[in-house]
Amino acid sequence: MTWTESPWTPAEVALLHASRRENIGPHGVPMEQALDPDNAGKFVVKAQRDFAQQAVNATRAEYETKYKHDDPASLMYRAELAADD
């Protein structure tokens, strides 16, 4: 018998389920509010840097340059927070 470990942590699964219950869009706003014409022009957007995604992007570029994979889109990257030493 083989078991495959989920790439999702229990906290990530809980967050996904919560977002689906609330129908939260990728921008963090409930879709009901996001699509309401009465809310047009009322949203304030603040940019935040996703440092984990920044590291993934850098690693992806490095792998594509260094290893020249035939199918780089098939590679999956997972960011983990390094332990403080």
N, C-alpha and C. Protein backbone atom coordinates (compact mmCIF):
# COMPACT_ATOMS: atom_id res chain seq x y z
N MET A 1 0.83 -1.15 0.00
CA MET A 1 0.00 0.00 0.00
C MET A 1 0.89 1.24 0.00
N THR A 2 0.54 2.20 -0.81
CA THR A 2 1.30 3.44 -0.91
C THR A 2 0.44 4.61 -0.48
N TRP A 3 1.04 5.51 0.30
CA TRP A 3 0.36 6.72 0.74
C TRP A 3 1.06 7.91 0.13
N THR A 4 0.31 8.80 -0.42
CA THR A 4 0.87 10.02 -0.96
C THR A 4 0.55 11.15 0.01
N GLU A 5 1.59 11.84 0.45
CA GLU A 5 1.39 12.93 1.39
C GLU A 5 0.91 14.17 0.64
N SER A 6 -0.10 14.81 1.19
CA SER A 6 -0.65 16.01 0.58
C SER A 6 0.39 17.13 0.59
N PRO A 7 0.47 17.90 -0.51
CA PRO A 7 1.37 19.04 -0.51
C PRO A 7 0.79 20.22 0.27
N TRP A 8 -0.43 20.08 0.76
CA TRP A 8 -1.12 21.13 1.50
C TRP A 8 -1.07 20.81 2.98
N THR A 9 -0.79 21.81 3.77
CA THR A 9 -0.84 21.65 5.22
C THR A 9 -2.30 21.75 5.67
N PRO A 10 -2.62 21.24 6.85
CA PRO A 10 -4.00 21.39 7.34
C PRO A 10 -4.45 22.85 7.41
N ALA A 11 -3.54 23.75 7.75
CA ALA A 11 -3.89 25.18 7.81
C ALA A 11 -4.23 25.71 6.42
N GLU A 12 -3.49 25.28 5.40
CA GLU A 12 -3.76 25.72 4.03
C GLU A 12 -5.11 25.19 3.55
N VAL A 13 -5.42 23.96 3.90
CA VAL A 13 -6.71 23.37 3.53
C VAL A 13 -7.84 24.14 4.19
N ALA A 14 -7.68 24.45 5.48
CA ALA A 14 -8.70 25.20 6.21
C ALA A 14 -8.92 26.58 5.58
N LEU A 15 -7.83 27.24 5.19
CA LEU A 15 -7.93 28.55 4.55
C LEU A 15 -8.66 28.46 3.22
N LEU A 16 -8.35 27.44 2.45
CA LEU A 16 -9.03 27.23 1.16
C LEU A 16 -10.52 27.02 1.39
N HIS A 17 -10.86 26.16 2.33
CA HIS A 17 -12.28 25.90 2.60
C HIS A 17 -12.99 27.16 3.05
N ALA A 18 -12.36 27.94 3.91
CA ALA A 18 -12.97 29.18 4.38
C ALA A 18 -13.19 30.15 3.23
N SER A 19 -12.22 30.25 2.34
CA SER A 19 -12.35 31.17 1.21
C SER A 19 -13.46 30.72 0.27
N ARG A 20 -13.64 29.42 0.12
CA ARG A 20 -14.71 28.92 -0.75
C ARG A 20 -16.08 29.18 -0.13
N ARG A 21 -16.18 29.04 1.20
CA ARG A 21 -17.46 29.30 1.87
C ARG A 21 -17.84 30.77 1.72
N GLU A 22 -16.86 31.63 1.81
CA GLU A 22 -17.11 33.07 1.73
C GLU A 22 -17.07 33.58 0.29
N ASN A 23 -16.69 32.70 -0.66
CA ASN A 23 -16.55 33.06 -2.07
C ASN A 23 -15.62 34.27 -2.22
N ILE A 24 -14.46 34.16 -1.59
CA ILE A 24 -13.45 35.22 -1.65
C ILE A 24 -12.72 35.15 -2.97
N GLY A 25 -12.59 36.28 -3.64
CA GLY A 25 -11.86 36.34 -4.90
C GLY A 25 -10.36 36.36 -4.66
N PRO A 26 -9.57 36.29 -5.73
CA PRO A 26 -8.11 36.28 -5.59
C PRO A 26 -7.57 37.59 -5.01
N HIS A 27 -8.39 38.60 -4.97
CA HIS A 27 -7.99 39.91 -4.43
C HIS A 27 -8.32 40.04 -2.96
N GLY A 28 -8.95 39.01 -2.36
CA GLY A 28 -9.25 39.03 -0.93
C GLY A 28 -10.60 39.63 -0.57
N VAL A 29 -11.39 39.98 -1.56
CA VAL A 29 -12.70 40.58 -1.34
C VAL A 29 -13.78 39.57 -1.72
N PRO A 30 -14.85 39.45 -0.91
CA PRO A 30 -15.96 38.58 -1.32
C PRO A 30 -16.47 38.99 -2.69
N MET A 31 -16.71 38.01 -3.55
CA MET A 31 -17.12 38.28 -4.92
C MET A 31 -18.44 39.05 -4.98
N GLU A 32 -19.30 38.85 -4.03
CA GLU A 32 -20.57 39.59 -3.99
C GLU A 32 -20.30 41.10 -3.93
N GLN A 33 -19.32 41.48 -3.13
CA GLN A 33 -18.95 42.90 -3.03
C GLN A 33 -18.16 43.35 -4.26
N ALA A 34 -17.27 42.49 -4.74
CA ALA A 34 -16.41 42.85 -5.86
C ALA A 34 -17.19 43.10 -7.14
N LEU A 35 -18.31 42.40 -7.31
CA LEU A 35 -19.09 42.51 -8.54
C LEU A 35 -20.26 43.48 -8.43
N ASP A 36 -20.45 44.08 -7.28
CA ASP A 36 -21.55 45.00 -7.06
C ASP A 36 -21.24 46.35 -7.71
N PRO A 37 -22.02 46.78 -8.71
CA PRO A 37 -21.76 48.05 -9.38
C PRO A 37 -21.77 49.25 -8.41
N ASP A 38 -22.48 49.14 -7.29
CA ASP A 38 -22.49 50.23 -6.31
C ASP A 38 -21.13 50.43 -5.66
N ASN A 39 -20.26 49.44 -5.77
CA ASN A 39 -18.93 49.52 -5.16
C ASN A 39 -17.85 50.00 -6.13
N ALA A 40 -18.24 50.29 -7.36
CA ALA A 40 -17.26 50.74 -8.36
C ALA A 40 -16.56 52.00 -7.87
N GLY A 41 -15.25 52.00 -7.91
CA GLY A 41 -14.46 53.14 -7.52
C GLY A 41 -14.26 53.30 -6.02
N LYS A 42 -14.77 52.34 -5.24
CA LYS A 42 -14.69 52.45 -3.79
C LYS A 42 -13.56 51.60 -3.17
N PHE A 43 -12.90 50.83 -3.96
CA PHE A 43 -11.87 49.94 -3.42
C PHE A 43 -10.53 50.63 -3.33
N VAL A 44 -9.83 50.41 -2.25
CA VAL A 44 -8.47 50.90 -2.06
C VAL A 44 -7.57 49.67 -2.16
N VAL A 45 -6.58 49.75 -3.01
CA VAL A 45 -5.68 48.62 -3.23
C VAL A 45 -4.31 48.95 -2.68
N LYS A 46 -3.77 48.05 -1.90
CA LYS A 46 -2.42 48.21 -1.36
C LYS A 46 -1.57 47.05 -1.86
N ALA A 47 -0.47 47.37 -2.46
CA ALA A 47 0.43 46.33 -2.96
C ALA A 47 1.28 45.80 -1.82
N GLN A 48 1.42 44.50 -1.79
CA GLN A 48 2.30 43.84 -0.83
C GLN A 48 3.18 42.87 -1.59
N ARG A 49 4.42 42.79 -1.17
CA ARG A 49 5.33 41.85 -1.82
C ARG A 49 5.19 40.49 -1.16
N ASP A 50 5.01 39.49 -1.99
CA ASP A 50 4.95 38.10 -1.54
C ASP A 50 6.37 37.56 -1.66
N PHE A 51 7.09 37.53 -0.54
CA PHE A 51 8.50 37.13 -0.57
C PHE A 51 8.68 35.66 -0.91
N ALA A 52 7.70 34.84 -0.55
CA ALA A 52 7.78 33.42 -0.92
C ALA A 52 7.67 33.29 -2.44
N GLN A 53 6.73 34.00 -3.05
CA GLN A 53 6.58 33.94 -4.51
C GLN A 53 7.80 34.51 -5.21
N GLN A 54 8.39 35.55 -4.63
CA GLN A 54 9.61 36.13 -5.20
C GLN A 54 10.72 35.09 -5.25
N ALA A 55 10.86 34.31 -4.18
CA ALA A 55 11.88 33.26 -4.13
C ALA A 55 11.57 32.15 -5.13
N VAL A 56 10.30 31.79 -5.26
CA VAL A 56 9.90 30.78 -6.24
C VAL A 56 10.23 31.26 -7.65
N ASN A 57 9.90 32.51 -7.96
CA ASN A 57 10.18 33.04 -9.29
C ASN A 57 11.68 33.02 -9.61
N ALA A 58 12.51 33.39 -8.63
CA ALA A 58 13.96 33.39 -8.83
C ALA A 58 14.48 31.97 -9.05
N THR A 59 13.96 31.02 -8.27
CA THR A 59 14.39 29.63 -8.41
C THR A 59 13.96 29.07 -9.75
N ARG A 60 12.73 29.39 -10.17
CA ARG A 60 12.23 28.93 -11.47
C ARG A 60 13.14 29.44 -12.59
N ALA A 61 13.46 30.72 -12.55
CA ALA A 61 14.33 31.30 -13.59
C ALA A 61 15.70 30.64 -13.59
N GLU A 62 16.23 30.39 -12.39
CA GLU A 62 17.55 29.75 -12.27
C GLU A 62 17.52 28.34 -12.85
N TYR A 63 16.49 27.55 -12.51
CA TYR A 63 16.39 26.18 -13.03
C TYR A 63 16.24 26.18 -14.54
N GLU A 64 15.43 27.08 -15.07
CA GLU A 64 15.21 27.11 -16.52
C GLU A 64 16.49 27.48 -17.26
N THR A 65 17.29 28.35 -16.67
CA THR A 65 18.56 28.74 -17.29
C THR A 65 19.61 27.65 -17.14
N LYS A 66 19.71 27.11 -15.94
CA LYS A 66 20.77 26.15 -15.63
C LYS A 66 20.53 24.77 -16.24
N TYR A 67 19.29 24.27 -16.15
CA TYR A 67 19.02 22.89 -16.56
C TYR A 67 18.33 22.77 -17.91
N LYS A 68 17.79 23.83 -18.43
CA LYS A 68 17.15 23.83 -19.75
C LYS A 68 16.21 22.64 -19.92
N HIS A 69 15.25 22.53 -19.01
CA HIS A 69 14.28 21.44 -19.07
C HIS A 69 13.46 21.50 -20.35
N ASP A 70 13.10 20.31 -20.83
CA ASP A 70 12.26 20.24 -22.02
C ASP A 70 10.85 20.77 -21.72
N ASP A 71 10.41 20.58 -20.48
CA ASP A 71 9.06 20.98 -20.10
C ASP A 71 9.09 21.68 -18.74
N PRO A 72 9.58 22.92 -18.69
CA PRO A 72 9.70 23.62 -17.40
C PRO A 72 8.36 23.85 -16.72
N ALA A 73 7.29 23.87 -17.48
CA ALA A 73 5.97 24.09 -16.88
C ALA A 73 5.54 22.92 -16.01
N SER A 74 6.17 21.76 -16.19
CA SER A 74 5.80 20.59 -15.38
C SER A 74 6.48 20.59 -14.01
N LEU A 75 7.45 21.47 -13.82
CA LEU A 75 8.12 21.55 -12.53
C LEU A 75 7.24 22.29 -11.53
N MET A 76 7.20 21.78 -10.31
CA MET A 76 6.44 22.43 -9.25
C MET A 76 7.42 22.93 -8.21
N TYR A 77 7.13 24.06 -7.64
CA TYR A 77 8.01 24.67 -6.66
C TYR A 77 7.22 24.88 -5.38
N ARG A 78 7.85 24.60 -4.26
CA ARG A 78 7.21 24.79 -2.97
C ARG A 78 8.16 25.60 -2.09
N ALA A 79 7.68 26.71 -1.60
CA ALA A 79 8.49 27.56 -0.73
C ALA A 79 8.29 27.12 0.73
N GLU A 80 9.36 27.11 1.46
CA GLU A 80 9.32 26.81 2.90
C GLU A 80 10.11 27.88 3.62
N LEU A 81 9.62 28.30 4.76
CA LEU A 81 10.32 29.29 5.54
C LEU A 81 11.52 28.63 6.22
N ALA A 82 12.71 29.16 5.97
CA ALA A 82 13.92 28.60 6.55
C ALA A 82 13.93 28.84 8.05
N ALA A 83 14.47 27.88 8.78
CA ALA A 83 14.58 28.02 10.23
C ALA A 83 15.63 29.07 10.56
N ASP A 84 15.35 29.87 11.57
CA ASP A 84 16.32 30.85 12.03
C ASP A 84 17.45 30.13 12.77
N ASP A 85 18.66 30.51 12.44
CA ASP A 85 19.82 29.87 13.11
C ASP A 85 20.36 30.76 14.19
